[in-house]
Amino acid sequence: MKEAKLFGVKREDLGKGASGRMRKEGVIPCIITRKEGNINFSSFINDFNPIVFTPDTYLVNIEVDGSVYKTIIKEVQFNPLSDEVQHVDFLEVSEEQPVTCELPIEVTGVSPGVLAGGKLVTKIRKLKVKGNLSQLPERIPVNISGLSLGKSVRVKNVAVDGIEILNSPNLPIATVEIPRALKSQKAQ
């Protein structure tokens, strides 16, 4: 799993009004959810672009007032008009306990169906997984080398050592669709 660093300042002034004032100054209110108690902090808006606007999943090391917390992003709230980040919820994670998160899919191999004129359609881009931090890969490889025309790779066909995939087993990940031109050739 990729790692990123984020620096924050603990905030005492909570509430809607204080959050609005912070956003006008280019600072985003955030929270780290922990067993020992939540930590409210703020960080500059530009620091979020590399970790929010990416298909990758990051382990974010957040430094707040000298303490460092290992976290993953739990939820991001966006402005509905401008798509600016409005609020970020982080979840503290540890090496000892399994983590549930979404990891991006990496399609590998060459499909015989695509070589025959089919179109590869990726149905989902991330899989929900559960596993220890040390065993979580950056991406989940999905091999399409065996896909012929009209066939799909499903969640049940993907296995990664040490992690459990939580999506429905019959959910298609990638499909080789038959174009209309090939369908009409077969009909003749």
N, C-alpha and C. Protein backbone atom coordinates (compact mmCIF):
# COMPACT_ATOMS: atom_id res chain seq x y z
N MET A 1 0.85 -1.17 0.00
CA MET A 1 0.00 0.00 0.00
C MET A 1 0.89 1.24 0.00
N LYS A 2 0.54 2.22 -0.80
CA LYS A 2 1.31 3.46 -0.87
C LYS A 2 1.13 4.26 0.42
N GLU A 3 2.16 5.04 0.76
CA GLU A 3 2.11 5.86 1.96
C GLU A 3 2.19 7.34 1.60
N ALA A 4 1.58 8.17 2.42
CA ALA A 4 1.62 9.62 2.26
C ALA A 4 1.71 10.25 3.64
N LYS A 5 2.22 11.48 3.69
CA LYS A 5 2.30 12.24 4.95
C LYS A 5 1.39 13.45 4.87
N LEU A 6 0.83 13.78 6.01
CA LEU A 6 -0.04 14.94 6.11
C LEU A 6 0.22 15.61 7.44
N PHE A 7 0.31 16.92 7.44
CA PHE A 7 0.54 17.68 8.67
C PHE A 7 -0.74 18.42 9.03
N GLY A 8 -1.10 18.36 10.30
CA GLY A 8 -2.32 19.00 10.75
C GLY A 8 -2.12 19.77 12.03
N VAL A 9 -3.07 20.64 12.32
CA VAL A 9 -3.07 21.43 13.55
C VAL A 9 -4.34 21.08 14.30
N LYS A 10 -4.19 20.72 15.58
CA LYS A 10 -5.35 20.38 16.39
C LYS A 10 -6.27 21.59 16.48
N ARG A 11 -7.57 21.34 16.37
CA ARG A 11 -8.51 22.46 16.43
C ARG A 11 -9.43 22.30 17.63
N GLU A 12 -9.64 23.39 18.30
CA GLU A 12 -10.52 23.43 19.46
C GLU A 12 -11.88 24.02 19.08
N ASP A 13 -11.87 24.92 18.08
CA ASP A 13 -13.08 25.62 17.66
C ASP A 13 -13.86 24.72 16.70
N LEU A 14 -14.87 24.02 17.21
CA LEU A 14 -15.65 23.08 16.41
C LEU A 14 -16.98 23.69 16.03
N GLY A 15 -17.65 23.09 15.05
CA GLY A 15 -18.97 23.55 14.66
C GLY A 15 -19.00 24.05 13.23
N LYS A 16 -20.22 24.31 12.77
CA LYS A 16 -20.44 24.70 11.39
C LYS A 16 -19.81 26.05 11.05
N GLY A 17 -19.96 27.01 11.93
CA GLY A 17 -19.41 28.35 11.68
C GLY A 17 -17.90 28.35 11.60
N ALA A 18 -17.26 27.65 12.54
CA ALA A 18 -15.79 27.57 12.55
C ALA A 18 -15.29 26.84 11.30
N SER A 19 -15.98 25.79 10.89
CA SER A 19 -15.58 25.05 9.70
C SER A 19 -15.69 25.92 8.45
N GLY A 20 -16.74 26.69 8.35
CA GLY A 20 -16.91 27.60 7.21
C GLY A 20 -15.81 28.64 7.14
N ARG A 21 -15.44 29.21 8.30
CA ARG A 21 -14.35 30.20 8.33
C ARG A 21 -13.03 29.56 7.89
N MET A 22 -12.79 28.32 8.33
CA MET A 22 -11.55 27.63 7.94
C MET A 22 -11.50 27.41 6.43
N ARG A 23 -12.61 26.97 5.86
CA ARG A 23 -12.64 26.68 4.42
C ARG A 23 -12.35 27.94 3.60
N LYS A 24 -12.85 29.09 4.07
CA LYS A 24 -12.58 30.35 3.37
C LYS A 24 -11.10 30.70 3.39
N GLU A 25 -10.37 30.21 4.40
CA GLU A 25 -8.94 30.47 4.51
C GLU A 25 -8.11 29.39 3.82
N GLY A 26 -8.75 28.42 3.17
CA GLY A 26 -8.04 27.35 2.48
C GLY A 26 -7.61 26.22 3.39
N VAL A 27 -8.30 26.07 4.52
CA VAL A 27 -7.99 25.01 5.48
C VAL A 27 -9.21 24.09 5.59
N ILE A 28 -8.96 22.79 5.63
CA ILE A 28 -10.04 21.80 5.67
C ILE A 28 -10.15 21.18 7.06
N PRO A 29 -11.35 21.14 7.64
CA PRO A 29 -11.53 20.44 8.92
C PRO A 29 -11.51 18.93 8.70
N CYS A 30 -10.85 18.23 9.61
CA CYS A 30 -10.72 16.77 9.50
C CYS A 30 -10.91 16.13 10.87
N ILE A 31 -11.08 14.82 10.87
CA ILE A 31 -11.19 14.08 12.12
C ILE A 31 -10.50 12.72 11.95
N ILE A 32 -9.83 12.28 13.00
CA ILE A 32 -9.27 10.93 13.05
C ILE A 32 -10.11 10.16 14.05
N THR A 33 -10.76 9.10 13.58
CA THR A 33 -11.56 8.25 14.46
C THR A 33 -10.63 7.22 15.08
N ARG A 34 -10.61 7.19 16.42
CA ARG A 34 -9.73 6.29 17.17
C ARG A 34 -10.50 5.65 18.30
N LYS A 35 -9.98 4.51 18.80
CA LYS A 35 -10.59 3.86 19.97
C LYS A 35 -10.43 4.73 21.21
N GLU A 36 -9.28 5.38 21.31
CA GLU A 36 -8.97 6.18 22.51
C GLU A 36 -9.66 7.54 22.51
N GLY A 37 -10.34 7.89 21.46
CA GLY A 37 -11.00 9.18 21.36
C GLY A 37 -10.63 9.86 20.06
N ASN A 38 -11.58 10.55 19.49
CA ASN A 38 -11.36 11.19 18.19
C ASN A 38 -10.46 12.42 18.32
N ILE A 39 -9.76 12.73 17.22
CA ILE A 39 -8.90 13.91 17.17
C ILE A 39 -9.40 14.80 16.05
N ASN A 40 -9.79 16.01 16.40
CA ASN A 40 -10.21 17.00 15.41
C ASN A 40 -8.99 17.84 15.05
N PHE A 41 -8.73 17.97 13.74
CA PHE A 41 -7.60 18.77 13.30
C PHE A 41 -7.95 19.42 11.97
N SER A 42 -7.06 20.29 11.50
CA SER A 42 -7.25 20.93 10.21
C SER A 42 -5.94 20.88 9.44
N SER A 43 -6.07 20.92 8.11
CA SER A 43 -4.89 20.87 7.24
C SER A 43 -5.19 21.68 5.99
N PHE A 44 -4.14 22.11 5.27
CA PHE A 44 -4.31 22.92 4.06
C PHE A 44 -4.96 22.11 2.94
N ILE A 45 -5.82 22.75 2.18
CA ILE A 45 -6.59 22.08 1.14
C ILE A 45 -5.70 21.46 0.07
N ASN A 46 -4.59 22.11 -0.29
CA ASN A 46 -3.73 21.60 -1.37
C ASN A 46 -3.02 20.31 -0.98
N ASP A 47 -2.89 20.03 0.31
CA ASP A 47 -2.24 18.80 0.75
C ASP A 47 -3.08 17.56 0.46
N PHE A 48 -4.37 17.74 0.18
CA PHE A 48 -5.27 16.60 -0.03
C PHE A 48 -5.31 16.13 -1.49
N ASN A 49 -4.95 17.00 -2.43
CA ASN A 49 -5.06 16.64 -3.85
C ASN A 49 -4.36 15.34 -4.21
N PRO A 50 -3.10 15.09 -3.78
CA PRO A 50 -2.44 13.85 -4.18
C PRO A 50 -3.05 12.58 -3.57
N ILE A 51 -3.74 12.69 -2.44
CA ILE A 51 -4.28 11.47 -1.80
C ILE A 51 -5.77 11.27 -2.04
N VAL A 52 -6.48 12.32 -2.44
CA VAL A 52 -7.93 12.19 -2.67
C VAL A 52 -8.25 11.99 -4.15
N PHE A 53 -7.63 12.79 -5.01
CA PHE A 53 -7.93 12.73 -6.44
C PHE A 53 -7.00 11.76 -7.16
N THR A 54 -7.06 10.49 -6.78
CA THR A 54 -6.24 9.44 -7.34
C THR A 54 -6.99 8.11 -7.21
N PRO A 55 -6.72 7.17 -8.10
CA PRO A 55 -7.36 5.86 -7.94
C PRO A 55 -6.70 5.02 -6.85
N ASP A 56 -5.50 5.42 -6.40
CA ASP A 56 -4.76 4.64 -5.41
C ASP A 56 -5.31 4.83 -4.01
N THR A 57 -5.04 3.84 -3.16
CA THR A 57 -5.41 3.90 -1.76
C THR A 57 -4.13 4.12 -0.96
N TYR A 58 -4.17 5.07 -0.04
CA TYR A 58 -2.98 5.44 0.71
C TYR A 58 -3.11 5.13 2.19
N LEU A 59 -1.98 4.76 2.79
CA LEU A 59 -1.82 4.75 4.22
C LEU A 59 -1.29 6.14 4.55
N VAL A 60 -2.08 6.95 5.25
CA VAL A 60 -1.73 8.34 5.49
C VAL A 60 -1.19 8.49 6.91
N ASN A 61 0.06 8.91 7.02
CA ASN A 61 0.68 9.20 8.32
C ASN A 61 0.43 10.66 8.63
N ILE A 62 -0.42 10.91 9.63
CA ILE A 62 -0.82 12.28 9.96
C ILE A 62 -0.08 12.72 11.22
N GLU A 63 0.60 13.86 11.12
CA GLU A 63 1.28 14.41 12.28
C GLU A 63 0.46 15.58 12.82
N VAL A 64 0.00 15.43 14.06
CA VAL A 64 -0.78 16.49 14.72
C VAL A 64 -0.12 16.78 16.05
N ASP A 65 0.38 18.00 16.21
CA ASP A 65 1.02 18.45 17.45
C ASP A 65 2.09 17.48 17.95
N GLY A 66 2.94 17.01 17.04
CA GLY A 66 4.05 16.15 17.43
C GLY A 66 3.75 14.66 17.48
N SER A 67 2.50 14.26 17.44
CA SER A 67 2.13 12.84 17.45
C SER A 67 1.80 12.40 16.02
N VAL A 68 2.22 11.17 15.66
CA VAL A 68 1.96 10.65 14.32
C VAL A 68 0.95 9.51 14.42
N TYR A 69 -0.06 9.55 13.56
CA TYR A 69 -1.13 8.55 13.54
C TYR A 69 -1.16 7.89 12.17
N LYS A 70 -1.19 6.55 12.15
CA LYS A 70 -1.35 5.79 10.90
C LYS A 70 -2.84 5.70 10.62
N THR A 71 -3.25 6.16 9.44
CA THR A 71 -4.67 6.20 9.11
C THR A 71 -4.92 5.81 7.66
N ILE A 72 -6.18 5.54 7.36
CA ILE A 72 -6.65 5.45 5.99
C ILE A 72 -7.86 6.38 5.88
N ILE A 73 -8.16 6.81 4.66
CA ILE A 73 -9.31 7.70 4.46
C ILE A 73 -10.58 6.87 4.57
N LYS A 74 -11.47 7.32 5.45
CA LYS A 74 -12.75 6.65 5.66
C LYS A 74 -13.83 7.28 4.77
N GLU A 75 -13.86 8.62 4.72
CA GLU A 75 -14.87 9.32 3.93
C GLU A 75 -14.38 10.71 3.58
N VAL A 76 -14.73 11.16 2.37
CA VAL A 76 -14.40 12.51 1.92
C VAL A 76 -15.71 13.18 1.50
N GLN A 77 -15.92 14.39 2.01
CA GLN A 77 -17.10 15.16 1.62
C GLN A 77 -16.65 16.26 0.67
N PHE A 78 -17.38 16.40 -0.45
CA PHE A 78 -17.05 17.38 -1.47
C PHE A 78 -18.13 18.44 -1.56
N ASN A 79 -17.74 19.64 -2.03
CA ASN A 79 -18.71 20.67 -2.36
C ASN A 79 -19.42 20.21 -3.62
N PRO A 80 -20.78 20.16 -3.63
CA PRO A 80 -21.50 19.63 -4.79
C PRO A 80 -21.35 20.47 -6.05
N LEU A 81 -21.00 21.74 -5.91
CA LEU A 81 -20.87 22.61 -7.09
C LEU A 81 -19.44 22.67 -7.63
N SER A 82 -18.47 22.76 -6.73
CA SER A 82 -17.08 22.97 -7.18
C SER A 82 -16.21 21.73 -7.05
N ASP A 83 -16.69 20.67 -6.43
CA ASP A 83 -15.91 19.44 -6.19
C ASP A 83 -14.69 19.68 -5.32
N GLU A 84 -14.67 20.77 -4.56
CA GLU A 84 -13.58 21.00 -3.60
C GLU A 84 -13.81 20.12 -2.38
N VAL A 85 -12.72 19.69 -1.77
CA VAL A 85 -12.81 18.89 -0.55
C VAL A 85 -13.35 19.78 0.56
N GLN A 86 -14.38 19.30 1.28
CA GLN A 86 -14.99 20.06 2.37
C GLN A 86 -14.62 19.50 3.75
N HIS A 87 -14.50 18.18 3.84
CA HIS A 87 -14.22 17.53 5.12
C HIS A 87 -13.68 16.14 4.84
N VAL A 88 -12.73 15.69 5.67
CA VAL A 88 -12.17 14.35 5.49
C VAL A 88 -12.19 13.62 6.83
N ASP A 89 -12.71 12.38 6.80
CA ASP A 89 -12.71 11.50 7.96
C ASP A 89 -11.62 10.45 7.75
N PHE A 90 -10.74 10.31 8.73
CA PHE A 90 -9.69 9.30 8.70
C PHE A 90 -9.99 8.26 9.77
N LEU A 91 -9.51 7.04 9.56
CA LEU A 91 -9.66 5.96 10.51
C LEU A 91 -8.27 5.49 10.91
N GLU A 92 -7.98 5.50 12.22
CA GLU A 92 -6.67 5.04 12.68
C GLU A 92 -6.60 3.53 12.52
N VAL A 93 -5.46 3.05 12.02
CA VAL A 93 -5.26 1.62 11.81
C VAL A 93 -3.99 1.18 12.54
N SER A 94 -3.90 -0.12 12.79
CA SER A 94 -2.70 -0.66 13.43
C SER A 94 -2.23 -1.90 12.68
N GLU A 95 -0.98 -2.27 12.90
CA GLU A 95 -0.40 -3.45 12.24
C GLU A 95 -1.04 -4.74 12.74
N GLU A 96 -1.52 -4.75 13.98
CA GLU A 96 -2.03 -5.98 14.60
C GLU A 96 -3.43 -6.36 14.13
N GLN A 97 -4.26 -5.36 13.80
CA GLN A 97 -5.65 -5.65 13.47
C GLN A 97 -5.89 -5.53 11.97
N PRO A 98 -6.76 -6.40 11.42
CA PRO A 98 -7.06 -6.32 9.99
C PRO A 98 -7.77 -5.01 9.64
N VAL A 99 -7.52 -4.56 8.42
CA VAL A 99 -8.06 -3.31 7.91
C VAL A 99 -9.00 -3.63 6.76
N THR A 100 -10.13 -2.93 6.69
CA THR A 100 -11.04 -3.04 5.56
C THR A 100 -10.93 -1.76 4.73
N CYS A 101 -10.61 -1.92 3.45
CA CYS A 101 -10.48 -0.75 2.57
C CYS A 101 -10.72 -1.20 1.13
N GLU A 102 -10.70 -0.23 0.22
CA GLU A 102 -10.85 -0.53 -1.20
C GLU A 102 -9.49 -0.35 -1.88
N LEU A 103 -9.12 -1.34 -2.70
CA LEU A 103 -7.86 -1.28 -3.43
C LEU A 103 -8.14 -1.27 -4.92
N PRO A 104 -7.35 -0.51 -5.70
CA PRO A 104 -7.57 -0.46 -7.15
C PRO A 104 -7.19 -1.77 -7.83
N ILE A 105 -7.81 -2.00 -8.98
CA ILE A 105 -7.57 -3.19 -9.78
C ILE A 105 -6.59 -2.84 -10.90
N GLU A 106 -5.68 -3.76 -11.19
CA GLU A 106 -4.76 -3.60 -12.32
C GLU A 106 -4.99 -4.76 -13.28
N VAL A 107 -5.48 -4.45 -14.48
CA VAL A 107 -5.75 -5.47 -15.49
C VAL A 107 -4.43 -5.85 -16.15
N THR A 108 -4.13 -7.17 -16.18
CA THR A 108 -2.88 -7.65 -16.79
C THR A 108 -3.19 -8.70 -17.85
N GLY A 109 -2.27 -8.88 -18.77
CA GLY A 109 -2.42 -9.90 -19.80
C GLY A 109 -3.10 -9.37 -21.05
N VAL A 110 -3.14 -10.22 -22.07
CA VAL A 110 -3.78 -9.90 -23.34
C VAL A 110 -4.89 -10.92 -23.58
N SER A 111 -6.07 -10.43 -23.82
CA SER A 111 -7.24 -11.29 -24.00
C SER A 111 -7.36 -11.75 -25.46
N PRO A 112 -7.57 -13.06 -25.68
CA PRO A 112 -7.82 -13.53 -27.04
C PRO A 112 -9.10 -12.93 -27.63
N GLY A 113 -10.07 -12.64 -26.78
CA GLY A 113 -11.31 -12.02 -27.25
C GLY A 113 -11.09 -10.62 -27.78
N VAL A 114 -10.19 -9.87 -27.16
CA VAL A 114 -9.87 -8.52 -27.64
C VAL A 114 -9.11 -8.61 -28.96
N LEU A 115 -8.20 -9.57 -29.07
CA LEU A 115 -7.45 -9.77 -30.32
C LEU A 115 -8.37 -10.17 -31.46
N ALA A 116 -9.50 -10.83 -31.14
CA ALA A 116 -10.47 -11.24 -32.16
C ALA A 116 -11.44 -10.12 -32.51
N GLY A 117 -11.27 -8.93 -31.91
CA GLY A 117 -12.13 -7.80 -32.25
C GLY A 117 -13.10 -7.38 -31.16
N GLY A 118 -13.06 -8.05 -30.01
CA GLY A 118 -13.94 -7.70 -28.90
C GLY A 118 -13.47 -6.44 -28.18
N LYS A 119 -14.34 -5.92 -27.34
CA LYS A 119 -14.03 -4.69 -26.59
C LYS A 119 -13.96 -5.04 -25.10
N LEU A 120 -12.83 -4.70 -24.47
CA LEU A 120 -12.67 -4.95 -23.03
C LEU A 120 -13.37 -3.84 -22.26
N VAL A 121 -14.29 -4.23 -21.39
CA VAL A 121 -15.03 -3.27 -20.56
C VAL A 121 -14.75 -3.60 -19.10
N THR A 122 -14.19 -2.63 -18.38
CA THR A 122 -13.93 -2.80 -16.96
C THR A 122 -15.17 -2.36 -16.20
N LYS A 123 -15.77 -3.28 -15.47
CA LYS A 123 -17.04 -3.01 -14.77
C LYS A 123 -16.81 -2.30 -13.43
N ILE A 124 -15.76 -2.69 -12.71
CA ILE A 124 -15.45 -2.04 -11.44
C ILE A 124 -13.95 -1.72 -11.40
N ARG A 125 -13.60 -0.68 -10.69
CA ARG A 125 -12.21 -0.22 -10.64
C ARG A 125 -11.51 -0.54 -9.32
N LYS A 126 -12.31 -0.83 -8.27
CA LYS A 126 -11.74 -1.13 -6.96
C LYS A 126 -12.46 -2.32 -6.34
N LEU A 127 -11.74 -3.07 -5.51
CA LEU A 127 -12.33 -4.17 -4.76
C LEU A 127 -12.22 -3.87 -3.27
N LYS A 128 -13.25 -4.21 -2.53
CA LYS A 128 -13.24 -4.05 -1.08
C LYS A 128 -12.55 -5.27 -0.48
N VAL A 129 -11.50 -5.03 0.31
CA VAL A 129 -10.70 -6.13 0.85
C VAL A 129 -10.50 -5.96 2.35
N LYS A 130 -10.09 -7.07 2.98
CA LYS A 130 -9.79 -7.06 4.40
C LYS A 130 -8.49 -7.83 4.60
N GLY A 131 -7.56 -7.23 5.36
CA GLY A 131 -6.29 -7.89 5.61
C GLY A 131 -5.39 -7.03 6.47
N ASN A 132 -4.26 -7.58 6.89
CA ASN A 132 -3.29 -6.82 7.67
C ASN A 132 -2.56 -5.82 6.78
N LEU A 133 -2.17 -4.70 7.35
CA LEU A 133 -1.50 -3.64 6.59
C LEU A 133 -0.29 -4.15 5.83
N SER A 134 0.49 -5.01 6.46
CA SER A 134 1.72 -5.49 5.83
C SER A 134 1.44 -6.36 4.60
N GLN A 135 0.25 -6.92 4.49
CA GLN A 135 -0.08 -7.81 3.38
C GLN A 135 -0.89 -7.15 2.28
N LEU A 136 -1.33 -5.90 2.49
CA LEU A 136 -2.14 -5.23 1.48
C LEU A 136 -1.26 -4.72 0.34
N PRO A 137 -1.53 -5.16 -0.90
CA PRO A 137 -0.74 -4.68 -2.04
C PRO A 137 -1.22 -3.29 -2.48
N GLU A 138 -0.43 -2.64 -3.35
CA GLU A 138 -0.85 -1.34 -3.90
C GLU A 138 -2.04 -1.52 -4.83
N ARG A 139 -2.01 -2.61 -5.61
CA ARG A 139 -3.07 -2.90 -6.58
C ARG A 139 -3.36 -4.39 -6.58
N ILE A 140 -4.56 -4.76 -6.99
CA ILE A 140 -4.93 -6.16 -7.10
C ILE A 140 -4.85 -6.55 -8.58
N PRO A 141 -3.96 -7.50 -8.92
CA PRO A 141 -3.83 -7.89 -10.33
C PRO A 141 -5.00 -8.78 -10.77
N VAL A 142 -5.55 -8.46 -11.94
CA VAL A 142 -6.63 -9.24 -12.54
C VAL A 142 -6.16 -9.65 -13.93
N ASN A 143 -5.93 -10.95 -14.13
CA ASN A 143 -5.40 -11.46 -15.39
C ASN A 143 -6.55 -11.75 -16.35
N ILE A 144 -6.46 -11.17 -17.56
CA ILE A 144 -7.52 -11.37 -18.56
C ILE A 144 -7.05 -12.27 -19.71
N SER A 145 -5.94 -12.97 -19.54
CA SER A 145 -5.37 -13.79 -20.61
C SER A 145 -6.30 -14.90 -21.09
N GLY A 146 -7.22 -15.35 -20.26
CA GLY A 146 -8.12 -16.43 -20.65
C GLY A 146 -9.47 -15.98 -21.15
N LEU A 147 -9.68 -14.66 -21.32
CA LEU A 147 -11.01 -14.17 -21.70
C LEU A 147 -11.23 -14.23 -23.21
N SER A 148 -12.24 -14.97 -23.62
CA SER A 148 -12.63 -14.98 -25.03
C SER A 148 -13.85 -14.07 -25.19
N LEU A 149 -14.35 -13.98 -26.40
CA LEU A 149 -15.50 -13.10 -26.67
C LEU A 149 -16.70 -13.46 -25.80
N GLY A 150 -17.30 -12.45 -25.18
CA GLY A 150 -18.50 -12.63 -24.37
C GLY A 150 -18.25 -13.17 -22.97
N LYS A 151 -17.01 -13.35 -22.56
CA LYS A 151 -16.69 -13.91 -21.25
C LYS A 151 -16.28 -12.80 -20.27
N SER A 152 -16.33 -13.15 -18.96
CA SER A 152 -16.01 -12.19 -17.89
C SER A 152 -15.07 -12.80 -16.86
N VAL A 153 -14.31 -11.93 -16.23
CA VAL A 153 -13.55 -12.30 -15.04
C VAL A 153 -14.40 -11.83 -13.87
N ARG A 154 -14.67 -12.71 -12.93
CA ARG A 154 -15.50 -12.38 -11.77
C ARG A 154 -14.65 -12.34 -10.52
N VAL A 155 -15.20 -11.77 -9.46
CA VAL A 155 -14.48 -11.64 -8.19
C VAL A 155 -13.99 -12.99 -7.71
N LYS A 156 -14.78 -14.03 -7.89
CA LYS A 156 -14.39 -15.36 -7.41
C LYS A 156 -13.17 -15.91 -8.15
N ASN A 157 -12.82 -15.34 -9.32
CA ASN A 157 -11.65 -15.77 -10.08
C ASN A 157 -10.36 -15.08 -9.63
N VAL A 158 -10.47 -14.14 -8.71
CA VAL A 158 -9.31 -13.37 -8.25
C VAL A 158 -8.95 -13.82 -6.84
N ALA A 159 -7.68 -14.10 -6.63
CA ALA A 159 -7.21 -14.47 -5.30
C ALA A 159 -5.87 -13.79 -5.03
N VAL A 160 -5.74 -13.23 -3.85
CA VAL A 160 -4.49 -12.59 -3.42
C VAL A 160 -4.15 -13.17 -2.05
N ASP A 161 -2.92 -13.63 -1.91
CA ASP A 161 -2.49 -14.24 -0.65
C ASP A 161 -2.61 -13.28 0.52
N GLY A 162 -3.21 -13.74 1.60
CA GLY A 162 -3.25 -12.99 2.84
C GLY A 162 -4.37 -11.98 2.97
N ILE A 163 -5.16 -11.78 1.91
CA ILE A 163 -6.27 -10.84 2.04
C ILE A 163 -7.57 -11.51 1.61
N GLU A 164 -8.66 -11.02 2.18
CA GLU A 164 -10.00 -11.52 1.88
C GLU A 164 -10.72 -10.48 1.05
N ILE A 165 -11.29 -10.90 -0.07
CA ILE A 165 -12.06 -9.99 -0.92
C ILE A 165 -13.51 -10.04 -0.48
N LEU A 166 -14.08 -8.87 -0.16
CA LEU A 166 -15.41 -8.80 0.44
C LEU A 166 -16.54 -8.58 -0.56
N ASN A 167 -16.22 -8.28 -1.82
CA ASN A 167 -17.26 -8.08 -2.82
C ASN A 167 -17.98 -9.40 -3.12
N SER A 168 -19.16 -9.31 -3.70
CA SER A 168 -19.93 -10.49 -4.10
C SER A 168 -19.11 -11.33 -5.08
N PRO A 169 -19.03 -12.65 -4.86
CA PRO A 169 -18.18 -13.50 -5.72
C PRO A 169 -18.58 -13.51 -7.19
N ASN A 170 -19.85 -13.30 -7.50
CA ASN A 170 -20.30 -13.36 -8.90
C ASN A 170 -20.24 -12.01 -9.61
N LEU A 171 -19.77 -10.97 -8.94
CA LEU A 171 -19.68 -9.64 -9.54
C LEU A 171 -18.62 -9.64 -10.64
N PRO A 172 -19.00 -9.24 -11.89
CA PRO A 172 -18.01 -9.20 -12.97
C PRO A 172 -17.06 -8.01 -12.80
N ILE A 173 -15.77 -8.27 -13.00
CA ILE A 173 -14.76 -7.21 -12.92
C ILE A 173 -14.47 -6.65 -14.31
N ALA A 174 -14.22 -7.56 -15.26
CA ALA A 174 -13.94 -7.15 -16.64
C ALA A 174 -14.63 -8.13 -17.59
N THR A 175 -15.14 -7.60 -18.69
CA THR A 175 -15.86 -8.39 -19.67
C THR A 175 -15.35 -8.05 -21.07
N VAL A 176 -15.27 -9.05 -21.95
CA VAL A 176 -14.97 -8.80 -23.36
C VAL A 176 -16.30 -8.85 -24.10
N GLU A 177 -16.77 -7.65 -24.50
CA GLU A 177 -18.05 -7.57 -25.20
C GLU A 177 -17.87 -7.83 -26.69
N ILE A 178 -18.90 -8.42 -27.28
CA ILE A 178 -18.88 -8.70 -28.71
C ILE A 178 -19.47 -7.50 -29.44
N PRO A 179 -18.70 -6.84 -30.32
CA PRO A 179 -19.23 -5.69 -31.05
C PRO A 179 -20.32 -6.10 -32.04
N ARG A 180 -21.16 -5.16 -32.44
CA ARG A 180 -22.27 -5.44 -33.35
C ARG A 180 -21.79 -6.02 -34.69
N ALA A 181 -20.66 -5.52 -35.14
CA ALA A 181 -20.14 -6.00 -36.44
C ALA A 181 -19.84 -7.51 -36.38
N LEU A 182 -19.27 -7.97 -35.26
CA LEU A 182 -18.98 -9.40 -35.13
C LEU A 182 -20.26 -10.20 -34.91
N LYS A 183 -21.24 -9.63 -34.22
CA LYS A 183 -22.51 -10.33 -34.00
C LYS A 183 -23.21 -10.56 -35.35
N SER A 184 -23.19 -9.55 -36.22
CA SER A 184 -23.87 -9.68 -37.51
C SER A 184 -23.14 -10.66 -38.42
N GLN A 185 -21.82 -10.77 -38.31
CA GLN A 185 -21.05 -11.74 -39.10
C GLN A 185 -21.40 -13.17 -38.68
N LYS A 186 -21.57 -13.38 -37.37
CA LYS A 186 -21.92 -14.71 -36.87
C LYS A 186 -23.31 -15.13 -37.28
N ALA A 187 -24.24 -14.15 -37.42
CA ALA A 187 -25.62 -14.45 -37.75
C ALA A 187 -25.75 -14.89 -39.21
N GLN A 188 -24.82 -14.47 -40.06
CA GLN A 188 -24.93 -14.79 -41.50
C GLN A 188 -24.46 -16.17 -41.81
